[in-house]
């Protein structure tokens, strides 16, 4: 008899919240409280909180289950090193790296 697990991640049992999500959200909430209560940057703090909440939205894209992971993946794809392949006449193809 085998015991199977759905996931090896530590799940807190509330809508799939994981420990890493709390570690990311806690400083964001503290920063929001400090900016909102003790500085005149109230609108900026609310905008920052809305962006933070948007990044913590759960989504279903393969193994990336939070929006901040998908945004990081998009930036990684957009700003990766690009390899261009050129073919010169009469010679074998060579790989040449060209930074953009």
N, C-alpha and C. Protein backbone atom coordinates (compact mmCIF):
# COMPACT_ATOMS: atom_id res chain seq x y z
N UNK A 1 0.84 -1.17 0.00
CA UNK A 1 0.00 0.00 0.00
C UNK A 1 0.89 1.24 0.00
N UNK A 2 0.58 2.21 -0.87
CA UNK A 2 1.35 3.43 -0.98
C UNK A 2 0.49 4.63 -0.56
N UNK A 3 1.16 5.58 0.05
CA UNK A 3 0.50 6.84 0.38
C UNK A 3 0.95 7.86 -0.67
N UNK A 4 -0.01 8.44 -1.36
CA UNK A 4 0.33 9.40 -2.41
C UNK A 4 -0.05 10.81 -1.96
N UNK A 5 0.74 11.76 -2.42
CA UNK A 5 0.49 13.17 -2.12
C UNK A 5 0.15 13.90 -3.40
N UNK A 6 -0.75 14.88 -3.31
CA UNK A 6 -1.07 15.69 -4.49
C UNK A 6 0.10 16.60 -4.84
N UNK A 7 0.79 17.10 -3.82
CA UNK A 7 1.88 18.03 -4.06
C UNK A 7 2.87 17.91 -2.92
N UNK A 8 4.15 18.17 -3.22
CA UNK A 8 5.15 18.14 -2.16
C UNK A 8 5.31 19.51 -1.52
N UNK A 9 4.60 20.52 -2.05
CA UNK A 9 4.68 21.86 -1.48
C UNK A 9 3.89 21.92 -0.19
N UNK A 10 4.33 22.78 0.70
CA UNK A 10 3.59 22.95 1.95
C UNK A 10 2.40 23.84 1.69
N UNK A 11 1.24 23.31 1.90
CA UNK A 11 0.00 24.00 1.63
C UNK A 11 -0.68 24.29 2.95
N UNK A 12 -1.15 25.52 3.14
CA UNK A 12 -1.78 25.90 4.39
C UNK A 12 -3.26 25.57 4.42
N UNK A 13 -3.82 25.06 3.34
CA UNK A 13 -5.20 24.61 3.34
C UNK A 13 -6.23 25.69 3.07
N UNK A 14 -5.83 26.92 2.79
CA UNK A 14 -6.78 27.98 2.51
C UNK A 14 -6.55 28.47 1.09
N UNK A 15 -7.34 27.97 0.16
CA UNK A 15 -7.28 28.38 -1.25
C UNK A 15 -5.89 28.19 -1.86
N UNK A 16 -5.14 27.22 -1.41
CA UNK A 16 -3.84 26.93 -1.99
C UNK A 16 -2.73 27.89 -1.60
N UNK A 17 -2.87 28.57 -0.47
CA UNK A 17 -1.83 29.50 -0.02
C UNK A 17 -0.64 28.68 0.47
N UNK A 18 0.53 29.05 0.01
CA UNK A 18 1.75 28.36 0.41
C UNK A 18 2.59 29.26 1.30
N UNK A 19 3.60 28.69 1.91
CA UNK A 19 4.49 29.44 2.79
C UNK A 19 5.21 30.55 2.01
N UNK A 20 5.62 30.26 0.78
CA UNK A 20 6.33 31.27 -0.02
C UNK A 20 5.44 32.47 -0.31
N UNK A 21 4.13 32.24 -0.49
CA UNK A 21 3.21 33.35 -0.72
C UNK A 21 3.12 34.26 0.51
N UNK A 22 3.11 33.68 1.68
CA UNK A 22 3.06 34.47 2.92
C UNK A 22 4.37 35.23 3.11
N UNK A 23 5.48 34.60 2.79
CA UNK A 23 6.78 35.28 2.92
C UNK A 23 6.86 36.47 1.97
N UNK A 24 6.25 36.38 0.80
CA UNK A 24 6.24 37.50 -0.14
C UNK A 24 5.22 38.56 0.29
N UNK A 25 4.05 38.14 0.76
CA UNK A 25 2.98 39.08 1.08
C UNK A 25 3.22 39.85 2.37
N UNK A 26 3.88 39.26 3.35
CA UNK A 26 4.05 39.92 4.65
C UNK A 26 4.82 41.24 4.54
N UNK A 27 5.99 41.30 3.88
CA UNK A 27 6.66 42.60 3.74
C UNK A 27 5.85 43.61 2.93
N UNK A 28 5.08 43.10 1.95
CA UNK A 28 4.24 43.99 1.16
C UNK A 28 3.17 44.66 2.02
N UNK A 29 2.57 43.91 2.92
CA UNK A 29 1.54 44.47 3.81
C UNK A 29 2.16 45.44 4.81
N UNK A 30 3.31 45.11 5.35
CA UNK A 30 4.00 46.01 6.28
C UNK A 30 4.37 47.32 5.59
N UNK A 31 4.89 47.23 4.36
CA UNK A 31 5.23 48.43 3.60
C UNK A 31 3.99 49.27 3.30
N UNK A 32 2.89 48.61 2.97
CA UNK A 32 1.65 49.33 2.74
C UNK A 32 1.20 50.08 4.00
N UNK A 33 1.24 49.43 5.14
CA UNK A 33 0.80 50.06 6.39
C UNK A 33 1.67 51.26 6.71
N UNK A 34 2.98 51.11 6.56
CA UNK A 34 3.90 52.23 6.85
C UNK A 34 3.66 53.39 5.89
N UNK A 35 3.56 53.10 4.59
CA UNK A 35 3.36 54.17 3.62
C UNK A 35 1.99 54.84 3.77
N UNK A 36 0.97 54.05 4.06
CA UNK A 36 -0.38 54.60 4.13
C UNK A 36 -0.60 55.42 5.41
N UNK A 37 -0.04 54.96 6.50
CA UNK A 37 -0.31 55.62 7.79
C UNK A 37 0.64 56.77 8.11
N UNK A 38 1.90 56.65 7.73
CA UNK A 38 2.89 57.60 8.23
C UNK A 38 3.50 58.52 7.17
N UNK A 39 3.07 58.42 5.93
CA UNK A 39 3.60 59.30 4.88
C UNK A 39 2.44 59.88 4.07
N UNK A 40 2.70 60.93 3.32
CA UNK A 40 1.63 61.47 2.45
C UNK A 40 1.47 60.70 1.13
N UNK A 41 2.07 59.54 1.01
CA UNK A 41 2.01 58.75 -0.22
C UNK A 41 0.88 57.73 -0.18
N UNK A 42 -0.32 58.16 0.15
CA UNK A 42 -1.44 57.24 0.33
C UNK A 42 -1.88 56.60 -0.98
N UNK A 43 -1.98 57.39 -2.04
CA UNK A 43 -2.41 56.83 -3.33
C UNK A 43 -1.36 55.87 -3.87
N UNK A 44 -0.09 56.23 -3.74
CA UNK A 44 0.98 55.34 -4.19
C UNK A 44 0.97 54.02 -3.42
N UNK A 45 0.68 54.08 -2.12
CA UNK A 45 0.65 52.85 -1.34
C UNK A 45 -0.53 51.96 -1.73
N UNK A 46 -1.68 52.57 -2.04
CA UNK A 46 -2.84 51.78 -2.48
C UNK A 46 -2.56 51.15 -3.84
N UNK A 47 -1.94 51.90 -4.75
CA UNK A 47 -1.57 51.35 -6.07
C UNK A 47 -0.59 50.18 -5.90
N UNK A 48 0.40 50.36 -5.02
CA UNK A 48 1.36 49.27 -4.76
C UNK A 48 0.69 48.05 -4.18
N UNK A 49 -0.29 48.26 -3.30
CA UNK A 49 -1.02 47.12 -2.72
C UNK A 49 -1.84 46.41 -3.79
N UNK A 50 -2.47 47.15 -4.70
CA UNK A 50 -3.25 46.53 -5.77
C UNK A 50 -2.36 45.72 -6.72
N UNK A 51 -1.19 46.25 -7.03
CA UNK A 51 -0.25 45.51 -7.88
C UNK A 51 0.21 44.24 -7.17
N UNK A 52 0.48 44.34 -5.87
CA UNK A 52 0.89 43.17 -5.10
C UNK A 52 -0.20 42.11 -5.03
N UNK A 53 -1.43 42.53 -4.84
CA UNK A 53 -2.54 41.58 -4.81
C UNK A 53 -2.71 40.93 -6.18
N UNK A 54 -2.56 41.73 -7.25
CA UNK A 54 -2.66 41.17 -8.61
C UNK A 54 -1.58 40.12 -8.83
N UNK A 55 -0.37 40.36 -8.32
CA UNK A 55 0.72 39.40 -8.52
C UNK A 55 0.52 38.12 -7.72
N UNK A 56 -0.28 38.15 -6.68
CA UNK A 56 -0.53 36.96 -5.88
C UNK A 56 -1.78 36.19 -6.32
N UNK A 57 -2.41 36.63 -7.41
CA UNK A 57 -3.59 35.92 -7.89
C UNK A 57 -3.24 34.51 -8.35
N UNK A 58 -4.05 33.53 -7.96
CA UNK A 58 -3.78 32.17 -8.44
C UNK A 58 -4.28 32.00 -9.87
N UNK A 59 -3.45 31.39 -10.71
CA UNK A 59 -3.81 31.12 -12.10
C UNK A 59 -3.36 29.71 -12.43
N UNK A 60 -3.88 29.19 -13.52
CA UNK A 60 -3.52 27.84 -13.97
C UNK A 60 -2.71 27.93 -15.26
N UNK A 61 -1.40 28.01 -15.14
CA UNK A 61 -0.50 27.97 -16.29
C UNK A 61 0.60 26.98 -15.93
N UNK A 62 0.49 25.79 -16.41
CA UNK A 62 1.40 24.68 -16.13
C UNK A 62 1.72 24.62 -14.64
N UNK A 63 3.01 24.70 -14.28
CA UNK A 63 3.39 24.61 -12.88
C UNK A 63 3.51 25.97 -12.22
N UNK A 64 3.36 27.02 -12.98
CA UNK A 64 3.43 28.38 -12.44
C UNK A 64 2.04 28.72 -11.91
N UNK A 65 1.87 28.75 -10.59
CA UNK A 65 0.53 28.89 -10.06
C UNK A 65 0.23 30.26 -9.48
N UNK A 66 1.13 31.22 -9.59
CA UNK A 66 0.87 32.58 -9.14
C UNK A 66 1.28 33.55 -10.23
N UNK A 67 0.62 34.68 -10.27
CA UNK A 67 0.86 35.65 -11.34
C UNK A 67 2.29 36.19 -11.31
N UNK A 68 2.88 36.37 -10.12
CA UNK A 68 4.25 36.89 -10.06
C UNK A 68 5.24 35.92 -10.68
N UNK A 69 4.96 34.63 -10.62
CA UNK A 69 5.83 33.65 -11.26
C UNK A 69 5.70 33.73 -12.78
N UNK A 70 4.49 33.96 -13.27
CA UNK A 70 4.28 34.08 -14.71
C UNK A 70 4.91 35.37 -15.23
N UNK A 71 4.79 36.47 -14.48
CA UNK A 71 5.41 37.74 -14.89
C UNK A 71 6.93 37.58 -14.94
N UNK A 72 7.50 36.90 -13.95
CA UNK A 72 8.94 36.63 -13.97
C UNK A 72 9.35 35.79 -15.16
N UNK A 73 8.54 34.81 -15.51
CA UNK A 73 8.81 33.97 -16.67
C UNK A 73 8.74 34.77 -17.97
N UNK A 74 7.78 35.69 -18.07
CA UNK A 74 7.66 36.52 -19.27
C UNK A 74 8.89 37.40 -19.43
N UNK A 75 9.34 38.05 -18.32
CA UNK A 75 10.53 38.89 -18.39
C UNK A 75 11.78 38.06 -18.72
N UNK A 76 11.84 36.84 -18.21
CA UNK A 76 12.98 35.97 -18.51
C UNK A 76 13.02 35.63 -19.99
N UNK A 77 11.86 35.39 -20.59
CA UNK A 77 11.80 35.08 -22.01
C UNK A 77 12.12 36.30 -22.86
N UNK A 78 11.59 37.46 -22.48
CA UNK A 78 11.80 38.68 -23.27
C UNK A 78 13.25 39.15 -23.26
N UNK A 79 13.94 39.00 -22.13
CA UNK A 79 15.28 39.55 -22.00
C UNK A 79 16.37 38.49 -22.00
N UNK A 80 16.09 37.30 -22.55
CA UNK A 80 17.11 36.26 -22.62
C UNK A 80 18.09 36.57 -23.75
N UNK A 81 19.21 35.88 -23.72
CA UNK A 81 20.21 36.05 -24.78
C UNK A 81 19.70 35.39 -26.05
N UNK A 82 19.75 36.13 -27.13
CA UNK A 82 19.25 35.62 -28.40
C UNK A 82 20.42 35.11 -29.24
N UNK A 83 20.23 33.97 -29.88
CA UNK A 83 21.25 33.38 -30.74
C UNK A 83 20.73 33.42 -32.17
N UNK A 84 21.50 34.07 -33.04
CA UNK A 84 21.13 34.18 -34.44
C UNK A 84 22.02 33.25 -35.26
N UNK A 85 21.44 32.57 -36.22
CA UNK A 85 22.17 31.65 -37.08
C UNK A 85 22.18 32.22 -38.49
N UNK A 86 23.38 32.40 -39.04
CA UNK A 86 23.54 32.93 -40.39
C UNK A 86 24.14 31.85 -41.27
N UNK A 87 23.78 31.85 -42.54
CA UNK A 87 24.36 30.90 -43.49
C UNK A 87 25.14 31.68 -44.53
N UNK A 88 26.42 31.37 -44.62
CA UNK A 88 27.26 32.01 -45.63
C UNK A 88 27.30 31.10 -46.86
N UNK A 89 27.37 31.71 -48.01
CA UNK A 89 27.34 30.93 -49.24
C UNK A 89 28.62 30.08 -49.38
N UNK A 90 28.43 28.82 -49.68
CA UNK A 90 29.55 27.94 -49.93
C UNK A 90 30.23 27.40 -48.68
N UNK A 91 29.73 27.71 -47.50
CA UNK A 91 30.36 27.23 -46.27
C UNK A 91 29.32 26.52 -45.42
N UNK A 92 29.81 25.78 -44.46
CA UNK A 92 28.94 25.07 -43.53
C UNK A 92 28.36 26.09 -42.54
N UNK A 93 27.14 25.83 -42.09
CA UNK A 93 26.51 26.74 -41.13
C UNK A 93 27.36 26.87 -39.87
N UNK A 94 27.49 28.06 -39.34
CA UNK A 94 28.19 28.30 -38.09
C UNK A 94 27.24 29.03 -37.15
N UNK A 95 27.39 28.73 -35.89
CA UNK A 95 26.62 29.44 -34.88
C UNK A 95 27.41 30.67 -34.48
N UNK A 96 26.81 31.81 -34.59
CA UNK A 96 27.44 33.05 -34.17
C UNK A 96 26.55 33.75 -33.19
N UNK A 97 27.10 34.11 -32.05
CA UNK A 97 26.33 34.81 -31.04
C UNK A 97 26.44 36.30 -31.31
N UNK A 98 25.31 36.95 -31.24
CA UNK A 98 25.28 38.38 -31.45
C UNK A 98 24.40 38.98 -30.36
N UNK A 99 24.96 39.86 -29.56
CA UNK A 99 24.17 40.46 -28.49
C UNK A 99 23.41 41.65 -29.04
N UNK A 100 22.18 41.77 -28.58
CA UNK A 100 21.35 42.87 -29.06
C UNK A 100 21.23 43.95 -28.04
